[in-house]
Amino acid sequence: TADGVFEAPLMPDGAAFPRRLAGREEIRSAMAAYYEQQGEDGRT
């Protein structure tokens, strides 16, 4: 949803994977950055 929340409560603050994202646009930008940072690691 536009105001949706994606949380990974066990992630420590400052980890590469986001701990909490609020709103579709924050989810989009943070996950795009995370996926780009991960690159093609072959872990499918």
PDB file of all heavy atoms in Angstrom:
ATOM      1  N   THR A   1       0.868  -1.174   0.000  1.00  0.00           N
ATOM      2  CA  THR A   1       0.000   0.000   0.000  1.00  0.00           C
ATOM      3  C   THR A   1       0.912   1.234   0.000  1.00  0.00           C
ATOM      4  O   THR A   1       2.099   1.137   0.319  1.00  0.00           O
ATOM      5  CB  THR A   1      -0.899   0.024   1.253  1.00  0.00           C
ATOM      6  OG1 THR A   1      -0.060   0.048   2.418  1.00  0.00           O
ATOM      7  CG2 THR A   1      -1.833  -1.176   1.300  1.00  0.00           C
ATOM      8  N   ALA A   2       0.350   2.399  -0.340  1.00  0.00           N
ATOM      9  CA  ALA A   2       1.152   3.631  -0.381  1.00  0.00           C
ATOM     10  C   ALA A   2       1.830   3.894   0.958  1.00  0.00           C
ATOM     11  O   ALA A   2       2.959   4.397   1.007  1.00  0.00           O
ATOM     12  CB  ALA A   2       0.284   4.812  -0.789  1.00  0.00           C
ATOM     13  N   ASP A   3       1.167   3.521   2.063  1.00  0.00           N
ATOM     14  CA  ASP A   3       1.719   3.734   3.401  1.00  0.00           C
ATOM     15  C   ASP A   3       2.249   2.442   4.019  1.00  0.00           C
ATOM     16  O   ASP A   3       2.448   2.353   5.235  1.00  0.00           O
ATOM     17  CB  ASP A   3       0.674   4.360   4.320  1.00  0.00           C
ATOM     18  CG  ASP A   3      -0.544   3.453   4.534  1.00  0.00           C
ATOM     19  OD1 ASP A   3      -0.727   2.472   3.769  1.00  0.00           O
ATOM     20  OD2 ASP A   3      -1.314   3.720   5.470  1.00  0.00           O
ATOM     21  N   GLY A   4       2.505   1.451   3.197  1.00  0.00           N
ATOM     22  CA  GLY A   4       2.959   0.146   3.678  1.00  0.00           C
ATOM     23  C   GLY A   4       4.277   0.217   4.428  1.00  0.00           C
ATOM     24  O   GLY A   4       5.073   1.134   4.240  1.00  0.00           O
ATOM     25  N   VAL A   5       4.503  -0.775   5.275  1.00  0.00           N
ATOM     26  CA  VAL A   5       5.723  -0.846   6.085  1.00  0.00           C
ATOM     27  C   VAL A   5       6.368  -2.217   5.856  1.00  0.00           C
ATOM     28  O   VAL A   5       5.697  -3.251   5.900  1.00  0.00           O
ATOM     29  CB  VAL A   5       5.405  -0.656   7.584  1.00  0.00           C
ATOM     30  CG1 VAL A   5       6.656  -0.855   8.435  1.00  0.00           C
ATOM     31  CG2 VAL A   5       4.806   0.727   7.827  1.00  0.00           C
ATOM     32  N   PHE A   6       7.678  -2.186   5.622  1.00  0.00           N
ATOM     33  CA  PHE A   6       8.469  -3.405   5.473  1.00  0.00           C
ATOM     34  C   PHE A   6       9.501  -3.390   6.592  1.00  0.00           C
ATOM     35  O   PHE A   6      10.301  -2.461   6.698  1.00  0.00           O
ATOM     36  CB  PHE A   6       9.144  -3.433   4.107  1.00  0.00           C
ATOM     37  CG  PHE A   6      10.065  -4.610   3.888  1.00  0.00           C
ATOM     38  CD1 PHE A   6       9.716  -5.886   4.282  1.00  0.00           C
ATOM     39  CD2 PHE A   6      11.283  -4.442   3.263  1.00  0.00           C
ATOM     40  CE1 PHE A   6      10.551  -6.972   4.071  1.00  0.00           C
ATOM     41  CE2 PHE A   6      12.136  -5.513   3.039  1.00  0.00           C
ATOM     42  CZ  PHE A   6      11.768  -6.774   3.442  1.00  0.00           C
ATOM     43  N   GLU A   7       9.467  -4.419   7.450  1.00  0.00           N
ATOM     44  CA  GLU A   7      10.357  -4.471   8.598  1.00  0.00           C
ATOM     45  C   GLU A   7      11.145  -5.775   8.633  1.00  0.00           C
ATOM     46  O   GLU A   7      10.625  -6.824   8.284  1.00  0.00           O
ATOM     47  CB  GLU A   7       9.551  -4.386   9.900  1.00  0.00           C
ATOM     48  CG  GLU A   7       8.818  -3.088  10.091  1.00  0.00           C
ATOM     49  CD  GLU A   7       7.990  -3.095  11.363  1.00  0.00           C
ATOM     50  OE1 GLU A   7       7.114  -3.979  11.484  1.00  0.00           O
ATOM     51  OE2 GLU A   7       8.240  -2.235  12.210  1.00  0.00           O
ATOM     52  N   ALA A   8      12.384  -5.648   9.083  1.00  0.00           N
ATOM     53  CA  ALA A   8      13.230  -6.795   9.390  1.00  0.00           C
ATOM     54  C   ALA A   8      13.709  -6.578  10.824  1.00  0.00           C
ATOM     55  O   ALA A   8      14.815  -6.092  11.059  1.00  0.00           O
ATOM     56  CB  ALA A   8      14.390  -6.887   8.403  1.00  0.00           C
ATOM     57  N   PRO A   9      12.847  -6.883  11.807  1.00  0.00           N
ATOM     58  CA  PRO A   9      13.109  -6.514  13.202  1.00  0.00           C
ATOM     59  C   PRO A   9      14.395  -7.062  13.808  1.00  0.00           C
ATOM     60  O   PRO A   9      14.897  -6.492  14.775  1.00  0.00           O
ATOM     61  CB  PRO A   9      11.896  -7.074  13.957  1.00  0.00           C
ATOM     62  CG  PRO A   9      10.841  -7.235  12.931  1.00  0.00           C
ATOM     63  CD  PRO A   9      11.555  -7.537  11.647  1.00  0.00           C
ATOM     64  N   LEU A  10      14.942  -8.128  13.267  1.00  0.00           N
ATOM     65  CA  LEU A  10      16.154  -8.715  13.839  1.00  0.00           C
ATOM     66  C   LEU A  10      17.432  -8.080  13.299  1.00  0.00           C
ATOM     67  O   LEU A  10      18.522  -8.370  13.805  1.00  0.00           O
ATOM     68  CB  LEU A  10      16.179 -10.225  13.592  1.00  0.00           C
ATOM     69  CG  LEU A  10      14.987 -11.003  14.174  1.00  0.00           C
ATOM     70  CD1 LEU A  10      15.122 -12.486  13.852  1.00  0.00           C
ATOM     71  CD2 LEU A  10      14.866 -10.782  15.668  1.00  0.00           C
ATOM     72  N   MET A  11      17.316  -7.212  12.296  1.00  0.00           N
ATOM     73  CA  MET A  11      18.496  -6.565  11.722  1.00  0.00           C
ATOM     74  C   MET A  11      19.035  -5.520  12.695  1.00  0.00           C
ATOM     75  O   MET A  11      18.271  -4.728  13.240  1.00  0.00           O
ATOM     76  CB  MET A  11      18.154  -5.877  10.398  1.00  0.00           C
ATOM     77  CG  MET A  11      17.801  -6.831   9.275  1.00  0.00           C
ATOM     78  SD  MET A  11      19.076  -8.047   8.911  1.00  0.00           S
ATOM     79  CE  MET A  11      20.413  -7.022   8.388  1.00  0.00           C
ATOM     80  N   PRO A  12      20.344  -5.496  12.892  1.00  0.00           N
ATOM     81  CA  PRO A  12      20.917  -4.447  13.749  1.00  0.00           C
ATOM     82  C   PRO A  12      20.899  -3.104  13.016  1.00  0.00           C
ATOM     83  O   PRO A  12      20.907  -3.057  11.783  1.00  0.00           O
ATOM     84  CB  PRO A  12      22.349  -4.930  13.987  1.00  0.00           C
ATOM     85  CG  PRO A  12      22.652  -5.820  12.833  1.00  0.00           C
ATOM     86  CD  PRO A  12      21.344  -6.446  12.408  1.00  0.00           C
ATOM     87  N   ASP A  13      20.869  -2.037  13.770  1.00  0.00           N
ATOM     88  CA  ASP A  13      20.946  -0.705  13.172  1.00  0.00           C
ATOM     89  C   ASP A  13      22.236  -0.594  12.365  1.00  0.00           C
ATOM     90  O   ASP A  13      23.279  -1.102  12.760  1.00  0.00           O
ATOM     91  CB  ASP A  13      20.918   0.377  14.256  1.00  0.00           C
ATOM     92  CG  ASP A  13      19.553   0.492  14.924  1.00  0.00           C
ATOM     93  OD1 ASP A  13      18.537   0.167  14.270  1.00  0.00           O
ATOM     94  OD2 ASP A  13      19.507   0.900  16.094  1.00  0.00           O
ATOM     95  N   GLY A  14      22.135   0.044  11.210  1.00  0.00           N
ATOM     96  CA  GLY A  14      23.310   0.252  10.378  1.00  0.00           C
ATOM     97  C   GLY A  14      23.666  -0.899   9.464  1.00  0.00           C
ATOM     98  O   GLY A  14      24.652  -0.825   8.730  1.00  0.00           O
ATOM     99  N   ALA A  15      22.896  -1.963   9.484  1.00  0.00           N
ATOM    100  CA  ALA A  15      23.167  -3.110   8.606  1.00  0.00           C
ATOM    101  C   ALA A  15      22.856  -2.741   7.158  1.00  0.00           C
ATOM    102  O   ALA A  15      22.101  -1.811   6.893  1.00  0.00           O
ATOM    103  CB  ALA A  15      22.327  -4.312   9.037  1.00  0.00           C
ATOM    104  N   ALA A  16      23.441  -3.490   6.228  1.00  0.00           N
ATOM    105  CA  ALA A  16      23.200  -3.234   4.803  1.00  0.00           C
ATOM    106  C   ALA A  16      21.727  -3.437   4.451  1.00  0.00           C
ATOM    107  O   ALA A  16      21.154  -2.664   3.678  1.00  0.00           O
ATOM    108  CB  ALA A  16      24.076  -4.150   3.949  1.00  0.00           C
ATOM    109  N   PHE A  17      21.115  -4.455   5.012  1.00  0.00           N
ATOM    110  CA  PHE A  17      19.697  -4.701   4.763  1.00  0.00           C
ATOM    111  C   PHE A  17      18.896  -3.780   5.676  1.00  0.00           C
ATOM    112  O   PHE A  17      19.149  -3.719   6.877  1.00  0.00           O
ATOM    113  CB  PHE A  17      19.343  -6.166   5.045  1.00  0.00           C
ATOM    114  CG  PHE A  17      17.997  -6.577   4.518  1.00  0.00           C
ATOM    115  CD1 PHE A  17      17.862  -7.006   3.210  1.00  0.00           C
ATOM    116  CD2 PHE A  17      16.871  -6.512   5.316  1.00  0.00           C
ATOM    117  CE1 PHE A  17      16.624  -7.389   2.711  1.00  0.00           C
ATOM    118  CE2 PHE A  17      15.628  -6.885   4.832  1.00  0.00           C
ATOM    119  CZ  PHE A  17      15.508  -7.327   3.523  1.00  0.00           C
ATOM    120  N   PRO A  18      17.923  -3.050   5.118  1.00  0.00           N
ATOM    121  CA  PRO A  18      17.178  -2.084   5.941  1.00  0.00           C
ATOM    122  C   PRO A  18      16.357  -2.746   7.041  1.00  0.00           C
ATOM    123  O   PRO A  18      15.761  -3.800   6.838  1.00  0.00           O
ATOM    124  CB  PRO A  18      16.265  -1.382   4.941  1.00  0.00           C
ATOM    125  CG  PRO A  18      16.403  -2.078   3.650  1.00  0.00           C
ATOM    126  CD  PRO A  18      17.496  -3.083   3.742  1.00  0.00           C
ATOM    127  N   ARG A  19      16.332  -2.120   8.193  1.00  0.00           N
ATOM    128  CA  ARG A  19      15.569  -2.639   9.334  1.00  0.00           C
ATOM    129  C   ARG A  19      14.097  -2.264   9.244  1.00  0.00           C
ATOM    130  O   ARG A  19      13.224  -3.065   9.561  1.00  0.00           O
ATOM    131  CB  ARG A  19      16.167  -2.099  10.631  1.00  0.00           C
ATOM    132  CG  ARG A  19      15.473  -2.618  11.854  1.00  0.00           C
ATOM    133  CD  ARG A  19      16.055  -2.015  13.112  1.00  0.00           C
ATOM    134  NE  ARG A  19      15.222  -2.403  14.230  1.00  0.00           N
ATOM    135  CZ  ARG A  19      15.637  -3.053  15.271  1.00  0.00           C
ATOM    136  NH1 ARG A  19      16.897  -3.397  15.367  1.00  0.00           N
ATOM    137  NH2 ARG A  19      14.810  -3.362  16.244  1.00  0.00           N
ATOM    138  N   ARG A  20      13.795  -1.028   8.822  1.00  0.00           N
ATOM    139  CA  ARG A  20      12.400  -0.579   8.723  1.00  0.00           C
ATOM    140  C   ARG A  20      12.273   0.436   7.607  1.00  0.00           C
ATOM    141  O   ARG A  20      13.026   1.407   7.551  1.00  0.00           O
ATOM    142  CB  ARG A  20      11.938   0.045  10.031  1.00  0.00           C
ATOM    143  CG  ARG A  20      10.463   0.411  10.027  1.00  0.00           C
ATOM    144  CD  ARG A  20      10.024   0.947  11.388  1.00  0.00           C
ATOM    145  NE  ARG A  20       8.583   0.984  11.513  1.00  0.00           N
ATOM    146  CZ  ARG A  20       7.813   1.951  11.013  1.00  0.00           C
ATOM    147  NH1 ARG A  20       8.343   2.957  10.336  1.00  0.00           N
ATOM    148  NH2 ARG A  20       6.498   1.911  11.182  1.00  0.00           N
ATOM    149  N   LEU A  21      11.324   0.179   6.729  1.00  0.00           N
ATOM    150  CA  LEU A  21      11.021   1.093   5.633  1.00  0.00           C
ATOM    151  C   LEU A  21       9.541   1.425   5.688  1.00  0.00           C
ATOM    152  O   LEU A  21       8.709   0.522   5.786  1.00  0.00           O
ATOM    153  CB  LEU A  21      11.363   0.449   4.286  1.00  0.00           C
ATOM    154  CG  LEU A  21      12.814  -0.012   4.124  1.00  0.00           C
ATOM    155  CD1 LEU A  21      12.978  -0.820   2.851  1.00  0.00           C
ATOM    156  CD2 LEU A  21      13.753   1.181   4.146  1.00  0.00           C
ATOM    157  N   ALA A  22       9.209   2.705   5.620  1.00  0.00           N
ATOM    158  CA  ALA A  22       7.815   3.132   5.709  1.00  0.00           C
ATOM    159  C   ALA A  22       7.422   3.872   4.435  1.00  0.00           C
ATOM    160  O   ALA A  22       8.080   4.839   4.048  1.00  0.00           O
ATOM    161  CB  ALA A  22       7.605   4.030   6.926  1.00  0.00           C
ATOM    162  N   GLY A  23       6.377   3.396   3.794  1.00  0.00           N
ATOM    163  CA  GLY A  23       5.881   4.012   2.571  1.00  0.00           C
ATOM    164  C   GLY A  23       6.462   3.343   1.335  1.00  0.00           C
ATOM    165  O   GLY A  23       7.612   2.922   1.314  1.00  0.00           O
ATOM    166  N   ARG A  24       5.621   3.252   0.316  1.00  0.00           N
ATOM    167  CA  ARG A  24       6.011   2.563  -0.920  1.00  0.00           C
ATOM    168  C   ARG A  24       7.272   3.164  -1.534  1.00  0.00           C
ATOM    169  O   ARG A  24       8.150   2.441  -2.017  1.00  0.00           O
ATOM    170  CB  ARG A  24       4.852   2.624  -1.919  1.00  0.00           C
ATOM    171  CG  ARG A  24       5.101   1.819  -3.168  1.00  0.00           C
ATOM    172  CD  ARG A  24       3.965   1.958  -4.161  1.00  0.00           C
ATOM    173  NE  ARG A  24       2.728   1.417  -3.625  1.00  0.00           N
ATOM    174  CZ  ARG A  24       1.532   1.960  -3.839  1.00  0.00           C
ATOM    175  NH1 ARG A  24       1.414   3.060  -4.553  1.00  0.00           N
ATOM    176  NH2 ARG A  24       0.453   1.402  -3.340  1.00  0.00           N
ATOM    177  N   GLU A  25       7.391   4.484  -1.524  1.00  0.00           N
ATOM    178  CA  GLU A  25       8.545   5.115  -2.171  1.00  0.00           C
ATOM    179  C   GLU A  25       9.841   4.859  -1.407  1.00  0.00           C
ATOM    180  O   GLU A  25      10.893   4.655  -2.017  1.00  0.00           O
ATOM    181  CB  GLU A  25       8.301   6.606  -2.387  1.00  0.00           C
ATOM    182  CG  GLU A  25       7.169   6.880  -3.376  1.00  0.00           C
ATOM    183  CD  GLU A  25       7.250   6.049  -4.658  1.00  0.00           C
ATOM    184  OE1 GLU A  25       8.336   5.970  -5.277  1.00  0.00           O
ATOM    185  OE2 GLU A  25       6.225   5.451  -5.049  1.00  0.00           O
ATOM    186  N   GLU A  26       9.786   4.838  -0.080  1.00  0.00           N
ATOM    187  CA  GLU A  26      10.983   4.508   0.694  1.00  0.00           C
ATOM    188  C   GLU A  26      11.365   3.042   0.471  1.00  0.00           C
ATOM    189  O   GLU A  26      12.545   2.707   0.357  1.00  0.00           O
ATOM    190  CB  GLU A  26      10.775   4.784   2.184  1.00  0.00           C
ATOM    191  CG  GLU A  26      12.034   4.574   2.982  1.00  0.00           C
ATOM    192  CD  GLU A  26      11.912   4.940   4.451  1.00  0.00           C
ATOM    193  OE1 GLU A  26      10.787   5.153   4.957  1.00  0.00           O
ATOM    194  OE2 GLU A  26      12.960   5.011   5.111  1.00  0.00           O
ATOM    195  N   ILE A  27      10.364   2.174   0.395  1.00  0.00           N
ATOM    196  CA  ILE A  27      10.623   0.753   0.115  1.00  0.00           C
ATOM    197  C   ILE A  27      11.297   0.624  -1.247  1.00  0.00           C
ATOM    198  O   ILE A  27      12.309  -0.063  -1.390  1.00  0.00           O
ATOM    199  CB  ILE A  27       9.318  -0.071   0.182  1.00  0.00           C
ATOM    200  CG1 ILE A  27       8.796  -0.111   1.625  1.00  0.00           C
ATOM    201  CG2 ILE A  27       9.532  -1.475  -0.381  1.00  0.00           C
ATOM    202  CD1 ILE A  27       7.376  -0.632   1.768  1.00  0.00           C
ATOM    203  N   ARG A  28      10.762   1.317  -2.240  1.00  0.00           N
ATOM    204  CA  ARG A  28      11.316   1.250  -3.601  1.00  0.00           C
ATOM    205  C   ARG A  28      12.781   1.717  -3.624  1.00  0.00           C
ATOM    206  O   ARG A  28      13.658   1.013  -4.122  1.00  0.00           O
ATOM    207  CB  ARG A  28      10.488   2.125  -4.536  1.00  0.00           C
ATOM    208  CG  ARG A  28      10.929   2.096  -5.992  1.00  0.00           C
ATOM    209  CD  ARG A  28      10.158   3.082  -6.875  1.00  0.00           C
ATOM    210  NE  ARG A  28       8.773   3.263  -6.540  1.00  0.00           N
ATOM    211  CZ  ARG A  28       7.760   2.480  -6.940  1.00  0.00           C
ATOM    212  NH1 ARG A  28       8.015   1.417  -7.687  1.00  0.00           N
ATOM    213  NH2 ARG A  28       6.516   2.749  -6.583  1.00  0.00           N
ATOM    214  N   SER A  29      13.059   2.887  -3.083  1.00  0.00           N
ATOM    215  CA  SER A  29      14.421   3.439  -3.185  1.00  0.00           C
ATOM    216  C   SER A  29      15.410   2.647  -2.338  1.00  0.00           C
ATOM    217  O   SER A  29      16.533   2.377  -2.787  1.00  0.00           O
ATOM    218  CB  SER A  29      14.433   4.922  -2.829  1.00  0.00           C
ATOM    219  OG  SER A  29      14.047   5.121  -1.493  1.00  0.00           O
ATOM    220  N   ALA A  30      15.039   2.261  -1.129  1.00  0.00           N
ATOM    221  CA  ALA A  30      15.967   1.524  -0.268  1.00  0.00           C
ATOM    222  C   ALA A  30      16.253   0.129  -0.816  1.00  0.00           C
ATOM    223  O   ALA A  30      17.401  -0.334  -0.783  1.00  0.00           O
ATOM    224  CB  ALA A  30      15.415   1.436   1.155  1.00  0.00           C
ATOM    225  N   MET A  31      15.241  -0.539  -1.327  1.00  0.00           N
ATOM    226  CA  MET A  31      15.474  -1.880  -1.862  1.00  0.00           C
ATOM    227  C   MET A  31      16.257  -1.820  -3.173  1.00  0.00           C
ATOM    228  O   MET A  31      17.099  -2.690  -3.430  1.00  0.00           O
ATOM    229  CB  MET A  31      14.154  -2.638  -2.026  1.00  0.00           C
ATOM    230  CG  MET A  31      13.481  -2.959  -0.694  1.00  0.00           C
ATOM    231  SD  MET A  31      14.556  -3.743   0.559  1.00  0.00           S
ATOM    232  CE  MET A  31      14.862  -5.334  -0.209  1.00  0.00           C
ATOM    233  N   ALA A  32      16.031  -0.791  -3.987  1.00  0.00           N
ATOM    234  CA  ALA A  32      16.824  -0.627  -5.213  1.00  0.00           C
ATOM    235  C   ALA A  32      18.297  -0.455  -4.846  1.00  0.00           C
ATOM    236  O   ALA A  32      19.180  -1.076  -5.459  1.00  0.00           O
ATOM    237  CB  ALA A  32      16.324   0.562  -6.026  1.00  0.00           C
ATOM    238  N   ALA A  33      18.570   0.370  -3.839  1.00  0.00           N
ATOM    239  CA  ALA A  33      19.948   0.577  -3.393  1.00  0.00           C
ATOM    240  C   ALA A  33      20.537  -0.714  -2.842  1.00  0.00           C
ATOM    241  O   ALA A  33      21.700  -1.053  -3.122  1.00  0.00           O
ATOM    242  CB  ALA A  33      19.997   1.686  -2.346  1.00  0.00           C
ATOM    243  N   TYR A  34      19.752  -1.458  -2.058  1.00  0.00           N
ATOM    244  CA  TYR A  34      20.237  -2.720  -1.499  1.00  0.00           C
ATOM    245  C   TYR A  34      20.535  -3.728  -2.611  1.00  0.00           C
ATOM    246  O   TYR A  34      21.603  -4.351  -2.616  1.00  0.00           O
ATOM    247  CB  TYR A  34      19.230  -3.305  -0.508  1.00  0.00           C
ATOM    248  CG  TYR A  34      19.673  -4.640   0.018  1.00  0.00           C
ATOM    249  CD1 TYR A  34      20.698  -4.728   0.951  1.00  0.00           C
ATOM    250  CD2 TYR A  34      19.101  -5.816  -0.448  1.00  0.00           C
ATOM    251  CE1 TYR A  34      21.146  -5.957   1.415  1.00  0.00           C
ATOM    252  CE2 TYR A  34      19.537  -7.052   0.010  1.00  0.00           C
ATOM    253  CZ  TYR A  34      20.561  -7.111   0.932  1.00  0.00           C
ATOM    254  OH  TYR A  34      20.998  -8.339   1.376  1.00  0.00           O
ATOM    255  N   TYR A  35      19.604  -3.873  -3.554  1.00  0.00           N
ATOM    256  CA  TYR A  35      19.819  -4.832  -4.644  1.00  0.00           C
ATOM    257  C   TYR A  35      21.043  -4.455  -5.472  1.00  0.00           C
ATOM    258  O   TYR A  35      21.815  -5.318  -5.880  1.00  0.00           O
ATOM    259  CB  TYR A  35      18.584  -4.911  -5.549  1.00  0.00           C
ATOM    260  CG  TYR A  35      17.359  -5.482  -4.889  1.00  0.00           C
ATOM    261  CD1 TYR A  35      16.089  -5.040  -5.267  1.00  0.00           C
ATOM    262  CD2 TYR A  35      17.423  -6.446  -3.897  1.00  0.00           C
ATOM    263  CE1 TYR A  35      14.937  -5.549  -4.676  1.00  0.00           C
ATOM    264  CE2 TYR A  35      16.290  -6.956  -3.292  1.00  0.00           C
ATOM    265  CZ  TYR A  35      15.049  -6.508  -3.692  1.00  0.00           C
ATOM    266  OH  TYR A  35      13.911  -7.009  -3.115  1.00  0.00           O
ATOM    267  N   GLU A  36      21.240  -3.156  -5.709  1.00  0.00           N
ATOM    268  CA  GLU A  36      22.399  -2.702  -6.483  1.00  0.00           C
ATOM    269  C   GLU A  36      23.696  -3.002  -5.722  1.00  0.00           C
ATOM    270  O   GLU A  36      24.682  -3.443  -6.303  1.00  0.00           O
ATOM    271  CB  GLU A  36      22.288  -1.213  -6.757  1.00  0.00           C
ATOM    272  CG  GLU A  36      23.406  -0.688  -7.640  1.00  0.00           C
ATOM    273  CD  GLU A  36      23.209   0.774  -7.976  1.00  0.00           C
ATOM    274  OE1 GLU A  36      22.108   1.152  -8.378  1.00  0.00           O
ATOM    275  OE2 GLU A  36      24.193   1.525  -7.817  1.00  0.00           O
ATOM    276  N   GLN A  37      23.688  -2.769  -4.430  1.00  0.00           N
ATOM    277  CA  GLN A  37      24.860  -3.023  -3.588  1.00  0.00           C
ATOM    278  C   GLN A  37      25.216  -4.510  -3.602  1.00  0.00           C
ATOM    279  O   GLN A  37      26.391  -4.872  -3.599  1.00  0.00           O
ATOM    280  CB  GLN A  37      24.564  -2.573  -2.160  1.00  0.00           C
ATOM    281  CG  GLN A  37      25.648  -2.878  -1.171  1.00  0.00           C
ATOM    282  CD  GLN A  37      25.220  -2.533   0.252  1.00  0.00           C
ATOM    283  OE1 GLN A  37      24.125  -2.029   0.494  1.00  0.00           O
ATOM    284  NE2 GLN A  37      26.072  -2.817   1.199  1.00  0.00           N
ATOM    285  N   GLN A  38      24.197  -5.353  -3.619  1.00  0.00           N
ATOM    286  CA  GLN A  38      24.449  -6.794  -3.599  1.00  0.00           C
ATOM    287  C   GLN A  38      24.987  -7.299  -4.922  1.00  0.00           C
ATOM    288  O   GLN A  38      25.709  -8.274  -4.962  1.00  0.00           O
ATOM    289  CB  GLN A  38      23.169  -7.556  -3.231  1.00  0.00           C
ATOM    290  CG  GLN A  38      22.691  -7.269  -1.829  1.00  0.00           C
ATOM    291  CD  GLN A  38      23.784  -7.484  -0.806  1.00  0.00           C
ATOM    292  OE1 GLN A  38      24.300  -8.573  -0.670  1.00  0.00           O
ATOM    293  NE2 GLN A  38      24.167  -6.435  -0.102  1.00  0.00           N
ATOM    294  N   GLY A  39      24.594  -6.646  -6.017  1.00  0.00           N
ATOM    295  CA  GLY A  39      25.064  -7.067  -7.332  1.00  0.00           C
ATOM    296  C   GLY A  39      24.636  -8.487  -7.651  1.00  0.00           C
ATOM    297  O   GLY A  39      23.707  -9.025  -7.064  1.00  0.00           O
ATOM    298  N   GLU A  40      25.315  -9.070  -8.572  1.00  0.00           N
ATOM    299  CA  GLU A  40      25.020 -10.444  -8.974  1.00  0.00           C
ATOM    300  C   GLU A  40      25.944 -11.384  -8.205  1.00  0.00           C
ATOM    301  O   GLU A  40      27.040 -11.691  -8.637  1.00  0.00           O
ATOM    302  CB  GLU A  40      25.223 -10.614 -10.482  1.00  0.00           C
ATOM    303  CG  GLU A  40      24.134  -9.988 -11.318  1.00  0.00           C
ATOM    304  CD  GLU A  40      22.771 -10.608 -11.059  1.00  0.00           C
ATOM    305  OE1 GLU A  40      22.672 -11.840 -10.902  1.00  0.00           O
ATOM    306  OE2 GLU A  40      21.798  -9.849 -11.008  1.00  0.00           O
ATOM    307  N   ASP A  41      25.492 -11.797  -7.038  1.00  0.00           N
ATOM    308  CA  ASP A  41      26.336 -12.670  -6.218  1.00  0.00           C
ATOM    309  C   ASP A  41      26.112 -14.150  -6.520  1.00  0.00           C
ATOM    310  O   ASP A  41      26.728 -15.003  -5.914  1.00  0.00           O
ATOM    311  CB  ASP A  41      26.127 -12.390  -4.731  1.00  0.00           C
ATOM    312  CG  ASP A  41      24.710 -12.685  -4.265  1.00  0.00           C
ATOM    313  OD1 ASP A  41      23.904 -13.195  -5.066  1.00  0.00           O
ATOM    314  OD2 ASP A  41      24.405 -12.404  -3.093  1.00  0.00           O
ATOM    315  N   GLY A  42      25.214 -14.419  -7.461  1.00  0.00           N
ATOM    316  CA  GLY A  42      24.966 -15.795  -7.832  1.00  0.00           C
ATOM    317  C   GLY A  42      24.088 -16.554  -6.857  1.00  0.00           C
ATOM    318  O   GLY A  42      23.839 -17.730  -7.029  1.00  0.00           O
ATOM    319  N   ARG A  43      23.596 -15.871  -5.813  1.00  0.00           N
ATOM    320  CA  ARG A  43      22.776 -16.538  -4.804  1.00  0.00           C
ATOM    321  C   ARG A  43      21.307 -16.450  -5.177  1.00  0.00           C
ATOM    322  O   ARG A  43      20.565 -15.670  -4.637  1.00  0.00           O
ATOM    323  CB  ARG A  43      23.015 -15.908  -3.441  1.00  0.00           C
ATOM    324  CG  ARG A  43      24.336 -16.283  -2.843  1.00  0.00           C
ATOM    325  CD  ARG A  43      24.440 -15.820  -1.438  1.00  0.00           C
ATOM    326  NE  ARG A  43      23.276 -16.290  -0.690  1.00  0.00           N
ATOM    327  CZ  ARG A  43      23.083 -16.071   0.601  1.00  0.00           C
ATOM    328  NH1 ARG A  43      23.955 -15.387   1.275  1.00  0.00           N
ATOM    329  NH2 ARG A  43      22.021 -16.520   1.207  1.00  0.00           N
ATOM    330  N   THR A  44      20.904 -17.277  -6.107  1.00  0.00           N
ATOM    331  CA  THR A  44      19.505 -17.366  -6.467  1.00  0.00           C
ATOM    332  C   THR A  44      18.932 -18.613  -5.813  1.00  0.00           C
ATOM    333  O   THR A  44      19.533 -19.677  -5.873  1.00  0.00           O
ATOM    334  CB  THR A  44      19.336 -17.446  -8.000  1.00  0.00           C
ATOM    335  OG1 THR A  44      19.934 -16.275  -8.572  1.00  0.00           O
ATOM    336  CG2 THR A  44      17.873 -17.502  -8.395  1.00  0.00           C
TER     337      THR A  44
END
